Amino acid sequence: MTDWHDQAQCRGTDPETFFPAGFGARYLTRIERAKDDCWACQVRLDCLDDALNREGDTAASMRHGIRGGLEPDQRWRVHQQLTERKAAS
């Protein structure tokens, strides 16, 4: 069985692509480019699931980079929603 990492579109891409630094328009452009790359990837959901599992209850401010097409605060919100759904069931 092939690991999802082997099928990732970002494999071999400079990691800084998904961990942009800076501020302003250039920073926002880099974030959008990274997110676009993720959304075009066939294993995006596997990557997102991996990020959510690894980050667990980590605070939004301690999450970094674009993973599964989402920014850290977006992944935090997804984690919170999943946690709330589990608690309600």
C-alpha atoms as a PDB file:
ATOM      1  CA  MET A   1       0.000   0.000   0.000  1.00  0.00           C
ATOM      2  CA  THR A   2       1.325   3.432  -0.943  1.00  0.00           C
ATOM      3  CA  ASP A   3       1.559   6.090   1.747  1.00  0.00           C
ATOM      4  CA  TRP A   4      -0.419   9.239   0.945  1.00  0.00           C
ATOM      5  CA  HIS A   5       2.785  11.286   1.286  1.00  0.00           C
ATOM      6  CA  ASP A   6       4.119   9.580  -1.839  1.00  0.00           C
ATOM      7  CA  GLN A   7       1.143  10.888  -3.822  1.00  0.00           C
ATOM      8  CA  ALA A   8       1.223  14.445  -2.471  1.00  0.00           C
ATOM      9  CA  GLN A   9       1.511  17.138  -5.092  1.00  0.00           C
ATOM     10  CA  CYS A  10       3.830  19.085  -2.795  1.00  0.00           C
ATOM     11  CA  ARG A  11       6.341  16.254  -2.536  1.00  0.00           C
ATOM     12  CA  GLY A  12       9.720  17.742  -3.403  1.00  0.00           C
ATOM     13  CA  THR A  13       8.443  21.308  -3.108  1.00  0.00           C
ATOM     14  CA  ASP A  14      10.384  23.752  -0.962  1.00  0.00           C
ATOM     15  CA  PRO A  15       8.709  23.561   2.484  1.00  0.00           C
ATOM     16  CA  GLU A  16       8.851  27.347   2.779  1.00  0.00           C
ATOM     17  CA  THR A  17       6.092  27.397   0.167  1.00  0.00           C
ATOM     18  CA  PHE A  18       3.686  26.147   2.820  1.00  0.00           C
ATOM     19  CA  PHE A  19       5.198  28.119   5.706  1.00  0.00           C
ATOM     20  CA  PRO A  20       5.322  31.630   4.244  1.00  0.00           C
ATOM     21  CA  ALA A  21       6.759  34.407   6.348  1.00  0.00           C
ATOM     22  CA  GLY A  22       6.135  38.103   6.186  1.00  0.00           C
ATOM     23  CA  PHE A  23       3.152  40.377   5.953  1.00  0.00           C
ATOM     24  CA  GLY A  24       1.191  42.443   3.482  1.00  0.00           C
ATOM     25  CA  ALA A  25       0.151  41.684  -0.075  1.00  0.00           C
ATOM     26  CA  ARG A  26       3.165  39.506  -0.890  1.00  0.00           C
ATOM     27  CA  TYR A  27       2.518  37.342   2.182  1.00  0.00           C
ATOM     28  CA  LEU A  28      -1.158  36.960   1.330  1.00  0.00           C
ATOM     29  CA  THR A  29      -0.280  36.022  -2.245  1.00  0.00           C
ATOM     30  CA  ARG A  30       2.070  33.310  -0.975  1.00  0.00           C
ATOM     31  CA  ILE A  31      -0.636  31.919   1.299  1.00  0.00           C
ATOM     32  CA  GLU A  32      -3.171  31.815  -1.509  1.00  0.00           C
ATOM     33  CA  ARG A  33      -0.669  30.117  -3.828  1.00  0.00           C
ATOM     34  CA  ALA A  34       0.057  27.439  -1.208  1.00  0.00           C
ATOM     35  CA  LYS A  35      -3.654  26.890  -0.599  1.00  0.00           C
ATOM     36  CA  ASP A  36      -4.291  26.610  -4.349  1.00  0.00           C
ATOM     37  CA  ASP A  37      -1.562  23.965  -4.586  1.00  0.00           C
ATOM     38  CA  CYS A  38      -3.188  22.025  -1.750  1.00  0.00           C
ATOM     39  CA  TRP A  39      -6.692  22.220  -3.174  1.00  0.00           C
ATOM     40  CA  ALA A  40      -5.419  20.760  -6.467  1.00  0.00           C
ATOM     41  CA  CYS A  41      -3.816  17.795  -4.667  1.00  0.00           C
ATOM     42  CA  GLN A  42      -5.450  14.368  -4.802  1.00  0.00           C
ATOM     43  CA  VAL A  43      -4.503  13.573  -1.191  1.00  0.00           C
ATOM     44  CA  ARG A  44      -5.489  16.924   0.359  1.00  0.00           C
ATOM     45  CA  LEU A  45      -7.995  15.338   2.742  1.00  0.00           C
ATOM     46  CA  ASP A  46      -5.434  12.793   3.942  1.00  0.00           C
ATOM     47  CA  CYS A  47      -3.030  15.663   4.632  1.00  0.00           C
ATOM     48  CA  LEU A  48      -5.711  17.623   6.470  1.00  0.00           C
ATOM     49  CA  ASP A  49      -6.657  14.585   8.545  1.00  0.00           C
ATOM     50  CA  ASP A  50      -2.990  14.051   9.413  1.00  0.00           C
ATOM     51  CA  ALA A  51      -2.624  17.700  10.441  1.00  0.00           C
ATOM     52  CA  LEU A  52      -5.737  17.575  12.618  1.00  0.00           C
ATOM     53  CA  ASN A  53      -4.566  14.380  14.315  1.00  0.00           C
ATOM     54  CA  ARG A  54      -1.045  15.658  14.912  1.00  0.00           C
ATOM     55  CA  GLU A  55      -2.137  19.067  16.153  1.00  0.00           C
ATOM     56  CA  GLY A  56      -4.904  17.720  18.385  1.00  0.00           C
ATOM     57  CA  ASP A  57      -5.876  20.298  20.990  1.00  0.00           C
ATOM     58  CA  THR A  58      -2.945  22.559  20.141  1.00  0.00           C
ATOM     59  CA  ALA A  59      -4.014  26.199  20.278  1.00  0.00           C
ATOM     60  CA  ALA A  60      -4.509  28.024  16.988  1.00  0.00           C
ATOM     61  CA  SER A  61      -1.547  30.271  17.781  1.00  0.00           C
ATOM     62  CA  MET A  62       0.746  27.230  18.023  1.00  0.00           C
ATOM     63  CA  ARG A  63      -0.256  25.760  14.662  1.00  0.00           C
ATOM     64  CA  HIS A  64       1.815  26.665  11.636  1.00  0.00           C
ATOM     65  CA  GLY A  65       1.746  26.506   7.878  1.00  0.00           C
ATOM     66  CA  ILE A  66      -0.735  25.562   5.229  1.00  0.00           C
ATOM     67  CA  ARG A  67      -1.811  21.913   5.491  1.00  0.00           C
ATOM     68  CA  GLY A  68      -4.657  20.267   3.684  1.00  0.00           C
ATOM     69  CA  GLY A  69      -5.446  23.602   2.061  1.00  0.00           C
ATOM     70  CA  LEU A  70      -6.177  25.356   5.349  1.00  0.00           C
ATOM     71  CA  GLU A  71      -4.429  27.970   7.440  1.00  0.00           C
ATOM     72  CA  PRO A  72      -3.735  27.300  11.139  1.00  0.00           C
ATOM     73  CA  ASP A  73      -6.806  29.162  12.418  1.00  0.00           C
ATOM     74  CA  GLN A  74      -8.993  27.396   9.875  1.00  0.00           C
ATOM     75  CA  ARG A  75      -7.710  24.007  11.040  1.00  0.00           C
ATOM     76  CA  TRP A  76      -8.377  25.044  14.638  1.00  0.00           C
ATOM     77  CA  ARG A  77     -12.013  25.806  13.764  1.00  0.00           C
ATOM     78  CA  VAL A  78     -12.392  22.441  12.022  1.00  0.00           C
ATOM     79  CA  HIS A  79     -10.917  20.729  15.096  1.00  0.00           C
ATOM     80  CA  GLN A  80     -13.342  22.601  17.368  1.00  0.00           C
ATOM     81  CA  GLN A  81     -16.323  21.660  15.193  1.00  0.00           C
ATOM     82  CA  LEU A  82     -15.316  17.991  15.158  1.00  0.00           C
ATOM     83  CA  THR A  83     -14.818  18.026  18.934  1.00  0.00           C
ATOM     84  CA  GLU A  84     -18.248  19.586  19.465  1.00  0.00           C
ATOM     85  CA  ARG A  85     -19.898  17.006  17.202  1.00  0.00           C
ATOM     86  CA  LYS A  86     -18.275  14.143  19.089  1.00  0.00           C
ATOM     87  CA  ALA A  87     -19.395  15.595  22.412  1.00  0.00           C
ATOM     88  CA  ALA A  88     -22.981  16.009  21.149  1.00  0.00           C
ATOM     89  CA  SER A  89     -23.289  12.411  19.986  1.00  0.00           C
END
